[in-house]
C-alpha cells in the first residue's frame, strides 16, 4: 500500500471508448499496454498498482499518466526521435555504391578498409554488412577456386 494519490487521472474518454480502442489496437502492443494502464487507473488502482499490473516501473506509469492528462490518447503514442544520424552522408553512400559496383569480389574487410581510407570513418564489420544490406547489395562467402582445375573443365566434363 502506497501513499495517498496526489495527481488524479483525467477522464479524457468514456470507459466504453477506452475499451473499443483497446480492442482495435491489439497489434500495437506499446499503445495497448499504455491503454491497459489507463484502464486500471480508471478502475481506481493507484499508479503503483496499475504500473505493476502492466509490468512497468512506477516512474513510467507517472509519465504515461502525465502524457494522458495533457494530450489524451495522442499522448500515449510512442514518440520516436529517429535515432542517431549516420556518419556517412547520402552523397558518400551513393559514391561508395558506385565504387562497389565496379567490382563484384569485395569482402567486408575490403569495404571496411575502403571506407576508412576514403572517408576516414571506421565501422565494425557487422555495421559494414548492415550498410551493404541497406544499399541493396548482397554478400556471401567467396567461392573457393581450385588452382589445379583446368580452364576447360566444363568441356572435359561434357565429353565424359
Protein backbone atom coordinates (compact mmCIF):
# COMPACT_ATOMS: atom_id res chain seq x y z
CA UNK A 1 0.00 0.00 0.00
CA UNK A 2 1.45 3.32 -1.07
CA UNK A 3 0.82 6.92 -0.24
CA UNK A 4 -2.43 8.68 -0.97
CA UNK A 5 -2.76 9.74 -4.63
CA UNK A 6 -1.83 13.38 -5.24
CA UNK A 7 -2.32 13.53 -9.01
CA UNK A 8 -5.75 12.33 -10.14
CA UNK A 9 -6.35 10.73 -13.54
CA UNK A 10 -8.25 12.91 -16.01
CA UNK A 11 -11.02 11.08 -17.84
CA UNK A 12 -10.40 12.05 -21.47
CA UNK A 13 -12.86 9.47 -22.84
CA UNK A 14 -15.53 7.16 -21.56
CA UNK A 15 -14.80 3.63 -20.40
CA UNK A 16 -16.61 2.28 -23.49
CA UNK A 17 -14.43 4.35 -25.84
CA UNK A 18 -11.34 3.19 -23.96
CA UNK A 19 -12.42 -0.45 -24.28
CA UNK A 20 -13.06 -0.09 -28.03
CA UNK A 21 -9.61 1.45 -28.55
CA UNK A 22 -8.07 -1.44 -26.63
CA UNK A 23 -9.85 -3.98 -28.86
CA UNK A 24 -8.75 -2.28 -32.10
CA UNK A 25 -5.12 -1.88 -31.03
CA UNK A 26 -4.15 -5.44 -30.30
CA UNK A 27 -1.34 -5.26 -32.89
CA UNK A 28 0.22 -2.10 -31.46
CA UNK A 29 1.38 -3.57 -28.17
CA UNK A 30 3.07 -0.43 -26.90
CA UNK A 31 -0.08 1.68 -27.09
CA UNK A 32 -2.18 -1.26 -25.90
CA UNK A 33 -0.08 -1.66 -22.76
CA UNK A 34 -0.49 2.04 -22.01
CA UNK A 35 -4.25 1.84 -22.52
CA UNK A 36 -4.41 -1.08 -20.11
CA UNK A 37 -2.56 1.09 -17.62
CA UNK A 38 -5.14 3.88 -18.10
CA UNK A 39 -7.99 1.37 -17.70
CA UNK A 40 -6.50 0.17 -14.41
CA UNK A 41 -6.34 3.80 -13.28
CA UNK A 42 -9.98 4.28 -14.28
CA UNK A 43 -10.85 1.26 -12.14
CA UNK A 44 -9.40 3.04 -9.12
CA UNK A 45 -5.98 1.43 -8.88
CA UNK A 46 -3.09 3.63 -7.80
CA UNK A 47 -0.31 4.46 -10.26
CA UNK A 48 1.91 2.00 -8.43
CA UNK A 49 -0.66 -0.81 -8.65
CA UNK A 50 -1.54 -0.10 -12.29
CA UNK A 51 2.15 0.00 -13.23
CA UNK A 52 2.76 -3.31 -11.53
CA UNK A 53 -0.20 -4.90 -13.35
CA UNK A 54 1.12 -3.92 -16.80
CA UNK A 55 4.73 -4.71 -15.86
CA UNK A 56 6.42 -1.31 -15.86
CA UNK A 57 8.17 0.79 -13.25
CA UNK A 58 6.13 3.25 -11.21
CA UNK A 59 8.01 6.19 -12.75
CA UNK A 60 6.94 5.09 -16.24
CA UNK A 61 3.36 4.90 -15.01
CA UNK A 62 3.55 8.51 -13.83
CA UNK A 63 4.96 9.56 -17.22
CA UNK A 64 2.13 7.78 -19.05
CA UNK A 65 -0.45 9.35 -16.76
CA UNK A 66 1.01 12.84 -17.27
CA UNK A 67 1.01 12.37 -21.05
CA UNK A 68 -2.59 11.09 -20.86
CA UNK A 69 -3.67 14.05 -18.73
CA UNK A 70 -2.02 16.54 -21.12
CA UNK A 71 -2.73 15.05 -24.57
CA UNK A 72 -5.24 12.24 -24.07
CA UNK A 73 -4.93 9.26 -26.42
CA UNK A 74 -2.38 11.01 -28.65
CA UNK A 75 -0.05 11.33 -25.66
CA UNK A 76 0.18 7.55 -25.36
CA UNK A 77 1.51 7.06 -28.89
CA UNK A 78 5.30 6.49 -28.75
CA UNK A 79 7.41 9.44 -29.83
CA UNK A 80 10.46 8.13 -31.62
CA UNK A 81 13.22 10.64 -32.21
CA UNK A 82 14.64 8.85 -35.25
CA UNK A 83 17.94 7.66 -33.84
CA UNK A 84 21.50 8.80 -34.23
CA UNK A 85 22.33 10.42 -37.58
CA UNK A 86 24.52 8.46 -39.96
CA UNK A 87 28.20 9.29 -40.14
CA UNK A 88 28.24 8.74 -43.90
CA UNK A 89 26.30 11.34 -45.88
CA UNK A 90 23.82 10.28 -48.58
CA UNK A 91 26.25 11.53 -51.25
CA UNK A 92 29.05 9.42 -49.73
CA UNK A 93 26.82 6.34 -49.68
CA UNK A 94 25.88 6.86 -53.35
CA UNK A 95 29.54 7.34 -54.23
CA UNK A 96 30.51 4.21 -52.26
CA UNK A 97 27.80 2.21 -54.02
CA UNK A 98 29.22 3.26 -57.41
CA UNK A 99 32.71 2.20 -56.36
CA UNK A 100 31.48 -1.16 -55.07
CA UNK A 101 29.59 -1.90 -58.29
CA UNK A 102 32.80 -1.61 -60.34
CA UNK A 103 33.92 -4.97 -58.94
CA UNK A 104 31.97 -7.93 -57.63
CA UNK A 105 34.55 -9.59 -55.41
CA UNK A 106 34.63 -7.26 -52.39
CA UNK A 107 34.97 -8.71 -48.92
CA UNK A 108 33.57 -6.92 -45.90
CA UNK A 109 37.16 -6.28 -44.78
CA UNK A 110 37.90 -4.67 -48.16
CA UNK A 111 34.83 -2.44 -47.86
CA UNK A 112 35.83 -1.53 -44.30
CA UNK A 113 39.32 -0.54 -45.48
CA UNK A 114 37.90 1.42 -48.43
CA UNK A 115 35.57 3.43 -46.18
CA UNK A 116 38.36 4.08 -43.72
CA UNK A 117 40.78 5.30 -46.42
CA UNK A 118 38.26 7.33 -48.42
CA UNK A 119 36.04 8.80 -45.67
CA UNK A 120 38.25 8.42 -42.56
CA UNK A 121 35.49 6.58 -40.68
CA UNK A 122 36.00 3.18 -39.07
CA UNK A 123 32.93 0.91 -38.88
CA UNK A 124 32.73 -2.57 -37.42
CA UNK A 125 32.35 -5.47 -39.83
CA UNK A 126 28.81 -6.02 -38.56
CA UNK A 127 27.90 -2.43 -39.42
CA UNK A 128 29.55 -2.77 -42.85
CA UNK A 129 27.18 -5.66 -43.55
CA UNK A 130 24.25 -3.50 -42.39
CA UNK A 131 25.33 -0.68 -44.72
CA UNK A 132 25.64 -3.11 -47.64
CA UNK A 133 22.19 -4.53 -46.92
CA UNK A 134 20.66 -1.02 -46.82
CA UNK A 135 22.27 -0.28 -50.19
CA UNK A 136 20.51 -3.33 -51.61
CA UNK A 137 23.70 -5.32 -52.00
CA UNK A 138 24.10 -8.93 -51.07
CA UNK A 139 27.15 -10.51 -49.59
CA UNK A 140 28.29 -14.07 -49.20
CA UNK A 141 31.38 -16.09 -48.58
CA UNK A 142 33.54 -16.23 -51.70
CA UNK A 143 33.55 -19.48 -53.63
CA UNK A 144 36.98 -21.06 -53.49
CA UNK A 145 38.52 -21.96 -56.83
CA UNK A 146 40.82 -24.93 -57.16
CA UNK A 147 44.10 -23.81 -58.71
CA UNK A 148 44.51 -27.32 -60.22
CA UNK A 149 41.25 -27.07 -62.17
CA UNK A 150 41.85 -26.81 -65.91
CA UNK A 151 40.38 -23.83 -67.80
CA UNK A 152 38.24 -26.12 -69.98
CA UNK A 153 36.84 -28.24 -67.11
CA UNK A 154 33.22 -27.91 -68.34
CA UNK A 155 34.14 -29.24 -71.80
CA UNK A 156 36.04 -32.18 -70.33
CA UNK A 157 33.03 -32.96 -68.13
CA UNK A 158 30.66 -32.91 -71.12
CA UNK A 159 32.85 -35.39 -73.02
CA UNK A 160 32.70 -37.90 -70.20
